[in-house]
Protein backbone atom coordinates (compact mmCIF):
# COMPACT_ATOMS: atom_id res chain seq x y z
CA MET A 1 -20.99 -10.17 -13.71
CA ARG A 2 -21.83 -12.97 -16.12
CA LEU A 3 -24.35 -12.27 -18.84
CA LYS A 4 -25.97 -15.68 -18.24
CA TYR A 5 -26.69 -16.15 -14.57
CA SER A 6 -27.75 -19.72 -13.85
CA TRP A 7 -29.68 -21.17 -10.91
CA ASP A 8 -26.56 -23.10 -9.92
CA ALA A 9 -24.55 -19.88 -9.81
CA ALA A 10 -27.30 -18.22 -7.75
CA ARG A 11 -27.31 -21.14 -5.29
CA ARG A 12 -23.53 -20.96 -4.84
CA ASP A 13 -23.63 -17.19 -4.44
CA LEU A 14 -26.44 -17.45 -1.90
CA LEU A 15 -24.58 -20.01 0.22
CA ALA A 16 -21.40 -17.93 0.06
CA GLY A 17 -23.33 -14.77 0.93
CA MET A 18 -24.95 -16.39 3.97
CA THR A 19 -21.54 -17.62 5.14
CA VAL A 20 -20.11 -14.11 4.79
CA ALA A 21 -23.08 -12.64 6.68
CA ALA A 22 -22.35 -14.95 9.62
CA ILE A 23 -18.96 -13.31 10.10
CA SER A 24 -20.16 -9.83 9.09
CA LEU A 25 -22.54 -9.55 12.06
CA PRO A 26 -19.97 -9.78 14.87
CA GLN A 27 -17.28 -7.96 12.87
CA ALA A 28 -19.54 -5.02 12.01
CA MET A 29 -20.46 -4.45 15.65
CA ALA A 30 -16.84 -4.88 16.75
CA TYR A 31 -15.52 -2.42 14.17
CA ALA A 32 -18.12 0.14 15.20
CA LEU A 33 -16.84 -0.30 18.75
CA ILE A 34 -13.30 0.42 17.49
CA ALA A 35 -14.55 3.62 15.84
CA GLY A 36 -16.20 4.64 19.12
CA ILE A 37 -19.74 4.78 17.78
CA ASP A 38 -22.97 2.81 18.15
CA PRO A 39 -22.77 -0.83 16.90
CA ARG A 40 -25.85 -0.36 14.73
CA PHE A 41 -23.88 1.91 12.38
CA GLY A 42 -21.43 -0.90 11.77
CA LEU A 43 -24.32 -3.21 10.91
CA TYR A 44 -25.75 -0.58 8.56
CA SER A 45 -22.38 -0.43 6.79
CA ALA A 46 -22.39 -4.21 6.42
CA ILE A 47 -25.70 -3.84 4.59
CA VAL A 48 -25.50 -0.68 2.47
CA VAL A 49 -21.78 -0.36 1.71
CA THR A 50 -21.49 -4.09 1.00
CA ALA A 51 -24.45 -4.13 -1.41
CA VAL A 52 -23.57 -0.96 -3.33
CA ALA A 53 -19.90 -1.87 -3.76
CA SER A 54 -20.86 -5.32 -5.04
CA ILE A 55 -23.31 -3.87 -7.57
CA PHE A 56 -20.87 -1.33 -9.02
CA GLY A 57 -17.59 -3.20 -8.50
CA SER A 58 -15.33 -5.17 -10.79
CA SER A 59 -14.19 -8.08 -8.63
CA SER A 60 -16.47 -11.11 -8.38
CA HIS A 61 -15.34 -11.94 -4.85
CA LEU A 62 -14.45 -8.69 -3.08
CA ILE A 63 -16.69 -8.00 -0.08
CA ASN A 64 -16.82 -4.41 1.17
CA GLY A 65 -17.99 -2.99 4.46
CA PRO A 66 -16.51 -1.81 7.74
CA THR A 67 -12.89 -2.81 8.37
CA ASN A 68 -10.78 -2.65 11.49
CA ALA A 69 -8.02 -0.46 10.03
CA ILE A 70 -10.42 2.16 8.69
CA SER A 71 -12.50 2.09 11.87
CA LEU A 72 -9.35 2.83 13.82
CA VAL A 73 -8.65 5.85 11.60
CA VAL A 74 -12.27 6.98 12.09
CA PHE A 75 -11.79 6.84 15.85
CA SER A 76 -8.66 8.96 15.59
CA ALA A 77 -10.38 11.39 13.19
CA LEU A 78 -13.17 12.04 15.71
CA ALA A 79 -10.73 12.91 18.50
CA PHE A 80 -11.36 16.65 18.06
CA LEU A 81 -14.93 16.23 19.33
CA ASP A 82 -16.09 16.15 22.94
CA PRO A 83 -16.27 12.45 23.99
CA GLU A 84 -19.69 13.10 25.54
CA ALA A 85 -21.11 14.63 22.35
CA ARG A 86 -22.32 11.32 20.88
CA PHE A 87 -24.70 12.93 18.38
CA ASP A 88 -21.90 15.11 16.99
CA ALA A 89 -19.64 12.06 16.68
CA TYR A 90 -22.28 10.25 14.67
CA GLN A 91 -22.86 13.19 12.34
CA ALA A 92 -19.12 13.71 11.86
CA THR A 93 -18.78 10.01 10.99
CA PHE A 94 -21.41 10.30 8.26
CA LEU A 95 -19.77 13.50 6.96
CA LEU A 96 -16.42 11.71 6.89
CA GLY A 97 -17.98 8.93 4.80
CA LEU A 98 -19.35 11.52 2.39
CA MET A 99 -15.93 13.16 2.01
CA VAL A 100 -14.21 9.81 1.50
CA GLY A 101 -16.76 8.84 -1.16
CA VAL A 102 -16.29 12.10 -3.08
CA ILE A 103 -12.49 11.81 -3.00
CA GLN A 104 -12.55 8.20 -4.21
CA ILE A 105 -14.98 9.01 -7.02
CA LEU A 106 -12.72 11.86 -8.14
CA ILE A 107 -9.74 9.50 -8.07
CA ALA A 108 -11.67 7.12 -10.34
CA VAL A 109 -12.92 9.87 -12.68
CA PHE A 110 -9.41 11.25 -13.19
CA LYS A 111 -8.01 7.71 -13.39
CA LEU A 112 -5.64 8.23 -10.48
CA GLY A 113 -6.09 4.78 -9.04
CA ASP A 114 -2.52 3.94 -10.07
CA LEU A 115 -1.30 6.36 -7.38
CA THR A 116 -1.83 3.55 -4.89
CA ARG A 117 1.14 1.72 -6.41
CA TYR A 118 3.43 4.38 -4.97
CA ILE A 119 2.53 3.15 -1.50
CA SER A 120 5.20 0.62 -0.65
CA GLU A 121 4.19 -2.83 0.56
CA SER A 122 6.50 -2.27 3.51
CA VAL A 123 4.51 0.85 4.43
CA VAL A 124 1.26 -1.14 4.35
CA LEU A 125 2.76 -3.91 6.50
CA GLY A 126 3.99 -1.32 8.99
CA PHE A 127 0.60 0.35 9.09
CA MET A 128 -1.16 -2.97 9.66
CA ALA A 129 1.26 -3.87 12.45
CA GLY A 130 0.71 -0.50 14.11
CA ALA A 131 -3.04 -0.67 13.62
CA GLY A 132 -3.18 -4.17 15.09
CA CYS A 133 -1.26 -2.99 18.14
CA LEU A 134 -3.65 -0.06 18.60
CA VAL A 135 -6.74 -2.24 18.24
CA ALA A 136 -5.47 -4.59 20.93
CA LEU A 137 -4.46 -1.76 23.28
CA GLY A 138 -7.80 -0.02 22.81
CA GLN A 139 -9.75 -3.10 23.96
CA PHE A 140 -7.96 -3.84 27.21
CA GLY A 141 -10.47 -1.78 29.18
CA ASN A 142 -13.40 -3.86 27.91
CA LEU A 143 -11.41 -7.09 28.20
CA LEU A 144 -10.58 -6.42 31.85
CA GLY A 145 -13.97 -4.95 32.67
CA ILE A 146 -12.52 -1.61 33.83
CA ARG A 147 -13.41 1.94 32.87
CA ASP A 148 -11.62 3.51 29.93
CA ARG A 149 -9.67 6.59 30.96
CA GLY A 150 -8.40 9.52 28.95
CA THR A 151 -9.91 11.43 26.07
CA GLY A 152 -9.79 11.18 22.30
CA HIS A 153 -7.22 13.98 22.26
CA GLN A 154 -4.67 11.71 23.95
CA GLN A 155 -2.59 9.03 22.29
CA VAL A 156 -3.86 5.45 22.50
CA VAL A 157 -0.75 4.38 24.41
CA GLU A 158 -1.33 7.14 26.97
CA ARG A 159 -5.01 6.21 27.32
CA PHE A 160 -4.02 2.55 27.69
CA TRP A 161 -1.70 3.41 30.58
CA LEU A 162 -4.31 5.60 32.25
CA THR A 163 -6.90 2.84 31.90
CA LEU A 164 -4.61 0.24 33.47
CA THR A 165 -3.57 2.49 36.36
CA GLU A 166 -6.78 4.42 37.02
CA GLY A 167 -9.55 2.25 35.58
CA GLY A 168 -10.36 0.49 38.81
CA PRO A 169 -10.27 -3.18 39.84
CA VAL A 170 -10.37 -5.93 37.25
CA ASN A 171 -13.79 -7.52 36.69
CA ARG A 172 -13.11 -11.25 36.88
CA TYR A 173 -16.34 -12.05 35.04
CA ALA A 174 -15.37 -9.83 32.11
CA LEU A 175 -11.84 -11.21 32.03
CA GLY A 176 -13.15 -14.77 32.05
CA ILE A 177 -15.62 -14.11 29.22
CA GLY A 178 -12.99 -12.23 27.18
CA LEU A 179 -10.28 -14.87 27.52
CA GLY A 180 -12.81 -17.65 26.95
CA THR A 181 -13.92 -15.96 23.73
CA ILE A 182 -10.32 -15.69 22.53
CA PHE A 183 -9.55 -19.35 23.19
CA LEU A 184 -12.84 -20.48 21.64
CA VAL A 185 -12.26 -18.48 18.45
CA ILE A 186 -8.75 -19.88 18.05
CA PHE A 187 -9.94 -23.44 18.71
CA LEU A 188 -12.90 -23.19 16.33
CA ARG A 189 -10.75 -21.71 13.54
CA LYS A 190 -8.30 -24.60 13.82
CA LEU A 191 -11.20 -27.03 13.82
CA ALA A 192 -12.73 -25.39 10.74
CA ARG A 193 -9.45 -25.55 8.84
CA ARG A 194 -8.77 -29.16 9.76
CA TYR A 195 -12.21 -30.42 8.75
CA ARG A 196 -12.93 -27.78 6.11
CA LEU A 197 -15.97 -26.44 7.95
CA PRO A 198 -17.56 -23.01 7.37
CA GLN A 199 -15.46 -20.31 9.02
CA ILE A 200 -18.10 -18.97 11.38
CA ASP A 201 -15.86 -19.23 14.41
CA MET A 202 -16.41 -15.62 15.50
CA LEU A 203 -20.18 -15.83 15.32
CA VAL A 204 -20.26 -19.13 17.24
CA ALA A 205 -17.87 -17.79 19.88
CA LEU A 206 -19.90 -14.58 20.29
CA VAL A 207 -23.21 -16.47 20.62
CA THR A 208 -21.63 -18.90 23.09
CA ALA A 209 -20.21 -16.09 25.23
CA ALA A 210 -23.55 -14.28 25.25
CA ALA A 211 -25.39 -17.50 26.15
CA VAL A 212 -22.99 -18.28 29.02
CA ALA A 213 -23.26 -14.74 30.39
CA ALA A 214 -27.07 -14.83 30.14
CA PHE A 215 -27.28 -18.28 31.74
CA PHE A 216 -25.41 -17.11 34.84
CA GLY A 217 -27.32 -13.83 34.89
CA TRP A 218 -24.23 -11.66 34.38
CA THR A 219 -25.99 -9.54 31.74
CA GLN A 220 -29.25 -9.15 33.70
CA PRO A 221 -29.75 -5.77 35.40
CA ALA A 222 -29.57 -5.91 39.20
CA SER A 223 -31.70 -3.88 41.59
CA GLY A 224 -29.65 -0.76 40.82
CA GLY A 225 -30.09 -1.22 37.09
CA ARG A 226 -26.44 -2.25 36.59
CA THR A 227 -25.15 -5.52 35.20
CA LEU A 228 -22.11 -7.52 36.27
CA LEU A 229 -20.86 -7.31 32.68
CA ALA A 230 -20.98 -4.27 30.40
CA VAL A 231 -23.12 -5.10 27.38
CA VAL A 232 -23.34 -3.75 23.85
CA GLY A 233 -26.78 -2.28 24.50
CA GLU A 234 -29.91 -1.94 22.47
CA VAL A 235 -29.64 -2.31 18.69
CA PRO A 236 -32.91 -1.37 16.97
CA ALA A 237 -34.48 -4.03 14.78
CA SER A 238 -34.70 -1.71 11.77
CA LEU A 239 -32.97 -1.12 8.49
CA PRO A 240 -30.95 2.06 7.84
CA LEU A 241 -33.14 4.98 6.81
CA PRO A 242 -32.12 7.86 4.53
CA HIS A 243 -30.36 10.60 6.44
CA ILE A 244 -28.60 13.75 5.18
CA PRO A 245 -25.28 14.21 7.04
CA GLU A 246 -24.93 17.43 8.95
CA ILE A 247 -22.26 19.60 7.33
CA ARG A 248 -20.25 22.00 9.45
CA PHE A 249 -17.42 23.62 7.58
CA TRP A 250 -15.02 23.60 10.51
CA TRP A 251 -15.63 19.87 10.72
CA VAL A 252 -14.66 19.58 7.04
CA LYS A 253 -11.34 21.25 7.82
CA GLN A 254 -10.72 18.97 10.79
CA LEU A 255 -11.66 15.81 8.88
CA SER A 256 -9.95 16.55 5.56
CA GLY A 257 -6.61 14.89 6.39
CA SER A 258 -8.31 11.78 7.73
CA ALA A 259 -10.64 11.63 4.72
CA LEU A 260 -7.64 11.67 2.38
CA ALA A 261 -5.86 8.97 4.39
CA ILE A 262 -8.98 6.77 4.50
CA SER A 263 -9.56 7.25 0.76
CA PHE A 264 -6.14 5.96 -0.21
CA LEU A 265 -6.02 3.33 2.51
CA GLY A 266 -9.45 2.04 1.47
CA LEU A 267 -8.52 1.86 -2.20
CA LEU A 268 -5.24 0.21 -1.33
CA GLU A 269 -6.98 -2.43 0.79
CA ALA A 270 -9.68 -3.10 -1.79
CA LEU A 271 -7.37 -3.28 -4.83
CA ALA A 272 -4.80 -5.43 -3.04
CA ILE A 273 -7.45 -7.95 -1.95
CA ALA A 274 -9.13 -7.97 -5.36
CA LYS A 275 -5.79 -8.51 -7.11
CA SER A 276 -4.82 -11.30 -4.73
CA ILE A 277 -8.03 -13.26 -5.41
CA ALA A 278 -8.01 -12.46 -9.14
CA HIS A 279 -4.51 -13.93 -9.32
CA GLN A 280 -6.05 -17.29 -8.40
CA THR A 281 -9.25 -16.98 -10.44
CA ARG A 282 -7.61 -15.35 -13.50
CA GLN A 283 -10.33 -12.71 -13.52
CA THR A 284 -9.53 -9.50 -15.40
CA LEU A 285 -10.12 -6.49 -13.15
CA ASP A 286 -11.00 -2.92 -14.02
CA TYR A 287 -9.18 -0.97 -11.31
CA ASN A 288 -10.77 2.39 -12.03
CA LYS A 289 -14.20 0.77 -11.98
CA GLN A 290 -13.39 -0.73 -8.59
CA CYS A 291 -12.19 2.67 -7.33
CA PHE A 292 -15.47 4.18 -8.54
CA ALA A 293 -17.44 1.44 -6.75
CA GLU A 294 -15.59 2.15 -3.49
CA GLY A 295 -16.44 5.83 -3.79
CA VAL A 296 -20.09 5.29 -4.66
CA ALA A 297 -20.47 2.82 -1.78
CA ASN A 298 -19.04 5.24 0.78
CA LEU A 299 -20.97 8.18 -0.64
CA THR A 300 -24.25 6.22 -0.57
CA GLY A 301 -23.48 4.88 2.89
CA SER A 302 -23.04 8.40 4.26
CA PHE A 303 -26.72 9.03 3.48
CA PHE A 304 -27.74 5.83 5.32
CA GLN A 305 -25.85 6.32 8.61
CA CYS A 306 -22.89 4.11 7.72
CA LEU A 307 -19.25 3.94 8.70
CA PRO A 308 -16.74 4.48 5.86
CA GLY A 309 -15.74 1.09 4.54
CA SER A 310 -13.47 -0.77 2.17
CA GLY A 311 -12.66 -4.27 1.01
CA SER A 312 -12.43 -6.79 3.85
CA LEU A 313 -9.66 -9.38 3.61
CA THR A 314 -11.42 -11.81 5.96
CA ARG A 315 -14.88 -11.63 4.41
CA SER A 316 -13.55 -11.61 0.83
CA ALA A 317 -11.43 -14.70 1.48
CA ILE A 318 -14.40 -16.48 3.06
CA ASN A 319 -16.58 -15.47 0.11
CA PHE A 320 -14.07 -16.93 -2.33
CA GLN A 321 -13.51 -20.11 -0.27
CA ALA A 322 -17.27 -20.61 0.12
CA GLY A 323 -17.65 -20.92 -3.66
CA ALA A 324 -18.97 -17.53 -4.78
CA VAL A 325 -19.00 -17.06 -8.54
CA SER A 326 -20.18 -13.46 -9.04
CA ARG A 327 -20.78 -10.09 -7.40
CA MET A 328 -24.29 -11.26 -6.45
CA SER A 329 -22.67 -13.02 -3.48
CA GLY A 330 -22.05 -9.58 -1.95
CA VAL A 331 -25.66 -8.60 -2.51
CA PHE A 332 -26.84 -11.83 -0.86
CA ALA A 333 -24.46 -11.21 2.06
CA ALA A 334 -25.93 -7.74 2.57
CA ALA A 335 -29.50 -9.05 2.33
CA THR A 336 -28.79 -11.83 4.84
CA THR A 337 -27.23 -9.32 7.24
CA ALA A 338 -30.30 -7.10 6.89
CA ALA A 339 -32.61 -10.03 7.67
CA ALA A 340 -30.52 -10.93 10.71
CA VAL A 341 -30.70 -7.34 11.98
CA LEU A 342 -34.50 -7.37 11.69
CA LEU A 343 -34.83 -10.72 13.42
CA PHE A 344 -32.09 -10.79 16.04
CA ALA A 345 -30.98 -7.19 16.73
CA PRO A 346 -32.79 -6.99 20.12
CA LEU A 347 -30.65 -9.89 21.34
CA ALA A 348 -27.56 -7.64 21.12
CA ARG A 349 -28.33 -6.43 24.63
CA TYR A 350 -27.09 -9.80 25.86
CA ILE A 351 -23.69 -9.51 24.15
CA PRO A 352 -20.94 -8.65 26.66
CA LYS A 353 -18.44 -6.00 25.58
CA ALA A 354 -15.73 -8.28 26.94
CA ALA A 355 -16.69 -10.91 24.32
CA LEU A 356 -16.43 -8.35 21.53
CA ALA A 357 -13.11 -7.22 22.99
CA GLY A 358 -11.90 -10.82 22.79
CA LEU A 359 -12.92 -10.98 19.14
CA LEU A 360 -11.05 -7.73 18.46
CA VAL A 361 -7.87 -8.97 20.14
CA VAL A 362 -7.93 -12.00 17.82
CA THR A 363 -8.73 -9.72 14.89
CA ALA A 364 -5.78 -7.49 15.80
CA ALA A 365 -3.43 -10.49 15.68
CA ARG A 366 -4.91 -11.63 12.36
CA LEU A 367 -4.66 -8.13 10.95
CA VAL A 368 -0.89 -8.56 10.68
CA ASP A 369 0.45 -10.80 7.92
CA TRP A 370 3.22 -12.28 10.07
CA ASN A 371 4.88 -14.22 7.25
CA ARG A 372 5.11 -11.19 4.97
CA LEU A 373 6.17 -9.03 7.91
CA ARG A 374 9.09 -11.35 8.66
CA TYR A 375 9.92 -11.45 4.95
CA ALA A 376 10.05 -7.65 4.76
CA MET A 377 12.17 -7.37 7.89
CA ARG A 378 14.71 -9.78 6.42
CA THR A 379 14.78 -8.38 2.90
CA SER A 380 16.75 -5.17 3.46
CA ARG A 381 17.35 -2.41 5.95
CA TYR A 382 15.29 -0.15 3.69
CA ASP A 383 12.19 -2.34 3.98
CA ALA A 384 12.74 -3.06 7.67
CA GLY A 385 13.14 0.66 8.36
CA LEU A 386 9.90 1.50 6.55
CA VAL A 387 7.98 -1.17 8.49
CA VAL A 388 9.30 -0.03 11.87
CA LEU A 389 8.94 3.71 11.21
CA THR A 390 5.40 3.41 9.80
CA ALA A 391 4.29 1.20 12.70
CA ALA A 392 5.83 3.63 15.19
CA ALA A 393 4.10 6.55 13.45
CA ALA A 394 0.76 4.75 13.75
CA VAL A 395 1.22 4.03 17.45
CA PHE A 396 2.91 7.18 18.68
CA ILE A 397 1.92 9.95 16.24
CA SER A 398 -1.33 9.47 14.36
CA VAL A 399 -2.84 6.41 12.78
CA GLU A 400 -4.65 8.37 10.07
CA PHE A 401 -1.43 10.04 8.95
CA SER A 402 0.86 7.03 9.36
CA ILE A 403 0.26 5.94 5.75
CA LEU A 404 1.14 9.46 4.52
CA ILE A 405 4.15 9.53 6.84
CA GLY A 406 5.22 6.12 5.54
CA VAL A 407 4.91 7.25 1.91
CA ALA A 408 6.94 10.38 2.63
CA LEU A 409 9.61 8.31 4.39
CA SER A 410 9.73 5.79 1.53
CA ILE A 411 10.35 8.64 -0.92
CA LEU A 412 13.01 10.21 1.30
CA LEU A 413 14.75 6.87 1.72
CA PHE A 414 14.41 5.98 -1.97
CA VAL A 415 15.87 9.19 -3.40
CA PRO A 416 19.42 8.53 -2.13
CA ARG A 417 19.21 5.01 -3.57
CA ALA A 418 18.00 6.31 -6.93
CA ALA A 419 20.68 9.02 -6.90
CA ARG A 420 23.50 6.51 -7.20
CA LEU A 421 25.33 6.69 -10.52
CA ARG A 422 27.47 3.64 -11.13
CA VAL A 423 30.45 4.20 -13.41
CA SER A 424 32.77 1.44 -14.60
CA GLU A 425 35.65 1.44 -17.03
CA LEU A 426 35.42 -1.03 -19.91
CA VAL A 427 38.06 -2.61 -22.15
CA VAL A 428 38.07 -4.56 -25.38
CA THR A 429 40.04 -7.78 -24.99
CA THR A 430 42.32 -9.35 -27.59
CA LYS A 431 39.38 -11.64 -28.43
CA GLN A 432 37.27 -8.53 -29.18
CA VAL A 433 35.08 -9.00 -26.08
CA LEU A 434 33.75 -5.94 -24.23
CA ARG A 435 33.98 -6.24 -20.42
CA GLU A 436 34.84 -4.37 -17.24
CA ARG A 437 38.47 -3.42 -16.84
CA LEU A 438 40.53 -5.56 -14.45
CA PRO A 439 43.63 -4.38 -12.56
CA SER A 440 45.72 -6.83 -14.61
CA ASP A 441 44.61 -5.39 -17.98
CA PRO A 442 47.34 -3.44 -19.86
CA PRO A 443 46.74 0.33 -19.94
CA CYS A 444 45.52 2.15 -23.06
CA PRO A 445 45.86 5.84 -22.19
CA GLU A 446 44.88 7.01 -25.69
CA LEU A 447 41.34 5.59 -25.39
CA LEU A 448 39.06 5.68 -22.34
CA LEU A 449 35.82 3.70 -22.37
CA TYR A 450 33.25 4.17 -19.57
CA ASN A 451 29.87 2.63 -18.84
CA LEU A 452 27.34 4.75 -16.91
CA GLU A 453 24.37 3.19 -15.13
CA GLY A 454 21.53 4.85 -13.21
CA GLU A 455 19.03 7.70 -13.28
CA LEU A 456 20.30 10.90 -14.93
CA PHE A 457 18.27 13.30 -12.80
CA PHE A 458 19.24 16.16 -10.52
CA GLY A 459 19.88 13.77 -7.64
CA THR A 460 22.79 12.13 -9.50
CA ALA A 461 24.19 15.45 -10.77
CA PRO A 462 26.88 15.72 -8.03
CA GLU A 463 28.17 12.21 -8.85
CA LEU A 464 28.08 12.92 -12.59
CA ASP A 465 29.98 16.17 -12.08
CA ARG A 466 32.64 14.39 -10.00
CA PHE A 467 32.97 11.74 -12.72
CA PHE A 468 33.53 14.35 -15.41
CA GLU A 469 36.17 16.08 -13.27
CA GLU A 470 37.99 12.76 -12.77
CA VAL A 471 37.91 12.07 -16.52
CA LYS A 472 39.31 15.53 -17.28
CA LEU A 473 42.09 15.03 -14.73
CA ARG A 474 42.98 11.65 -16.22
CA ILE A 475 42.96 13.09 -19.76
CA SER A 476 45.38 15.83 -18.75
CA LYS A 477 47.74 13.30 -17.10
CA GLU A 478 47.64 10.52 -19.73
CA GLY A 479 47.16 12.51 -22.92
CA THR A 480 43.96 10.69 -23.89
CA ARG A 481 42.72 11.42 -27.44
CA VAL A 482 39.33 9.62 -27.52
CA VAL A 483 36.70 9.07 -24.81
CA VAL A 484 33.73 6.73 -25.30
CA LEU A 485 30.76 7.18 -22.92
CA ARG A 486 28.21 4.38 -22.86
CA PHE A 487 24.68 5.49 -21.84
CA LYS A 488 22.85 2.23 -22.55
CA ARG A 489 21.88 1.71 -18.90
CA THR A 490 20.93 5.26 -18.00
CA ARG A 491 17.37 6.55 -17.78
CA ASN A 492 15.29 9.71 -17.49
CA PRO A 493 17.84 12.47 -18.20
CA ASP A 494 16.84 15.90 -16.93
CA MET A 495 18.04 19.47 -17.49
CA VAL A 496 20.74 19.45 -14.79
CA CYS A 497 22.53 16.33 -16.05
CA LEU A 498 22.22 17.31 -19.70
CA GLU A 499 23.73 20.69 -18.89
CA LEU A 500 26.69 19.00 -17.19
CA LEU A 501 27.12 16.76 -20.26
CA GLN A 502 27.01 19.79 -22.53
CA HIS A 503 29.72 21.62 -20.55
CA PHE A 504 31.92 18.49 -20.58
CA LEU A 505 31.56 17.96 -24.34
CA GLN A 506 32.26 21.60 -25.11
CA GLU A 507 35.35 21.66 -22.88
CA MET A 508 36.64 18.45 -24.47
CA GLY A 509 36.10 20.04 -27.88
CA ARG A 510 38.32 22.96 -26.89
CA GLU A 511 40.97 20.46 -25.69
CA ARG A 512 40.71 18.59 -29.04
CA VAL A 513 39.62 15.40 -27.33
CA VAL A 514 37.04 13.40 -29.26
CA VAL A 515 34.08 12.19 -27.20
CA LEU A 516 31.76 9.50 -28.58
CA LEU A 517 28.33 8.85 -27.05
CA CYS A 518 27.12 5.28 -27.53
CA GLY A 519 24.10 3.28 -26.40
CA VAL A 520 22.05 6.47 -26.56
CA ARG A 521 18.46 5.61 -25.65
CA PRO A 522 15.42 7.41 -27.09
CA ASP A 523 14.88 9.57 -23.98
CA LEU A 524 18.48 10.82 -24.07
CA ALA A 525 18.36 11.29 -27.85
CA LYS A 526 15.21 13.37 -27.48
CA GLY A 527 16.83 15.52 -24.80
CA LEU A 528 19.89 16.11 -27.02
CA ALA A 529 17.62 17.06 -29.91
CA ASN A 530 15.50 19.42 -27.81
CA LEU A 531 18.61 21.22 -26.58
CA ARG A 532 20.03 21.42 -30.15
CA PHE A 533 23.25 19.55 -29.50
CA ALA A 534 23.38 18.93 -33.26
CA ASP A 535 24.20 22.63 -33.84
CA TRP A 536 27.68 22.12 -32.36
CA PHE A 537 28.19 18.41 -31.69
CA PRO A 538 28.82 16.19 -34.79
CA ALA A 539 26.02 13.69 -35.41
CA ASP A 540 28.53 10.94 -36.34
CA ARG A 541 29.76 10.92 -32.76
CA ILE A 542 26.39 9.71 -31.45
CA PHE A 543 25.61 6.00 -31.68
CA PRO A 544 21.95 5.32 -30.79
CA GLU A 545 20.78 2.15 -29.08
CA SER A 546 17.85 0.45 -30.80
CA VAL A 547 16.53 -2.94 -31.83
CA GLU A 548 17.94 -2.43 -35.32
CA THR A 549 21.40 -1.47 -34.03
CA PRO A 550 22.01 -3.49 -30.86
CA SER A 551 25.83 -3.19 -31.23
CA ALA A 552 26.06 0.59 -30.80
CA THR A 553 28.89 0.27 -28.28
CA LEU A 554 31.06 -1.88 -30.54
CA LYS A 555 30.47 0.52 -33.41
CA ALA A 556 31.57 3.41 -31.24
CA VAL A 557 34.73 1.55 -30.18
CA ALA A 558 35.49 0.65 -33.80
CA SER A 559 35.08 4.32 -34.73
CA ALA A 560 37.41 5.30 -31.87
CA TYR A 561 40.11 2.93 -33.14
CA GLU A 562 39.72 4.33 -36.65
CA LEU A 563 40.27 7.82 -35.29
CA LEU A 564 43.37 6.64 -33.42
CA GLU A 565 44.59 4.82 -36.52
CA ALA A 566 44.17 7.95 -38.58
CA ASN A 567 46.52 9.67 -36.14
CA GLY A 568 48.94 6.72 -36.09
CA ILE A 569 48.10 5.78 -32.50
CA GLY A 570 47.03 2.40 -31.13
CA ARG A 571 47.83 -0.34 -28.68
CA GLY A 572 51.43 -0.91 -29.81
CA GLY A 573 51.34 1.59 -32.68
CA PRO A 574 49.52 2.19 -35.98
CA THR A 575 49.45 -1.46 -37.01
CA ALA A 576 47.74 -2.56 -33.80
CA ALA A 577 45.22 0.24 -34.08
CA ARG A 578 44.42 -0.77 -37.64
CA ALA A 579 43.96 -4.41 -36.54
CA ASP A 580 41.71 -3.39 -33.68
CA ALA A 581 39.58 -1.22 -35.92
CA GLY A 582 39.33 -3.83 -38.64
CA ALA A 583 38.40 -6.64 -36.25
CA LEU A 584 35.71 -4.62 -34.52
CA SER A 585 34.33 -3.25 -37.80
CA HIS A 586 34.02 -6.81 -39.07
CA GLN A 587 32.37 -7.90 -35.81
CA VAL A 588 29.70 -5.17 -35.85
């Protein structure tokens, strides 16, 4: 936050915060509905989590609070509880927030925030696509005005089918309100973008739907106490009070996997959004500080009856577009939401669930970045596979573990790609230029020159071993006297590959074949030194690669020609060998 906070900055932050609050109100209630808990807990999150994260955070524009993706994971995490045990579900939600906060704080303390970079963008896109699909499927019961069927222990797709087939007749009033809300939100968003109006389309659509339903009496209880439309219900006009979450150790065991998934997903969401906005504002971010803020916000929220939260893409973008200049905009957004809860919470009983379902269907569609999704699907089969498999894992296996499944799949799919060792034979032309050998190049059996490229770890060991066997076979057939191995484009040598290299060099020594190692990078040089290659391998046969000696390969080739010249061997005899050696020595 700026050291000098002016009245103009405060005015801009206040206007931005009020704009954010207008979208936070309907979103918070909708996301609580996704999580399967009372809407008031979503509103509490939009107050407490938003304020705390803004106070302790690093980004000037990031707005925290309940999000649809995390709410969906919360819903899945609570599946082990009896659907009728509402009090237990609430307590487990607060405990989950506490666990998430502790994990995120530990990640910040041990500076492990960089672990989020190992989560592929394709995995995130797949998760968002799967999560969007689940959000939409989960709201069809409310959208059609029919009873939800199934239990939390069943997959969302299975519950969706049971709801459609066994939920009863469609309520035409609910369907009309839901579809009307969808069309109104889409129309208002287009209108706002065309005329650069405040993006309060969801709030306006929700108020309009509630007003229409109230005008026709669809939300008024009939003689039997029932209404034509299911409504959100009573939301108390009060601020969140301190509350210690109930801790049951068997709950901790059940929630631990989901807590870990939410922790990394939340940090990933928050950091990605903060980085995206900072790229435009040129703000320098402290990622560990932001991780700490996420943890403190969720930990604090667990003691004030809040849903776990993270950075919101929608609200953060609106905050930035509305002209916010500092983290105070988040504080103002939380304060405005709190004032709205105190003033207007009783009116929530007029909000039809079908209207909220309509908002969530639109939110589900907006959750997916369609342009980036298409880009990933076209980039490579690797990226397309990760997107499809992660999305399928979210829909058909478990949404809370789909991120972890996606990461595991990305590693499994990446290892074979990293384990490719590319080997090419090089030649020195008559113009003393080093390049790949062509079929038309004349043979030089006395000297073999190879370039190796890739990771020298255990995964490439089989390919490296096959290469050495092919070189030995060629040496025995052609009578090769000198072999030059170029390691300039290899990285991260490990024990297995260095052991194979050692066996090859020692066998070549017994065969009286000289092997020169050129382009040796610091990591390879360190490995050779640690394994004491110098005790048996001559130091003048190693040509390091460094800024001071960028022509290590040419020096090695010149040395090879000198060795051949000393033995009266060259391309066309001793004279040619001497010319080759002299030309290259002059060049390097």
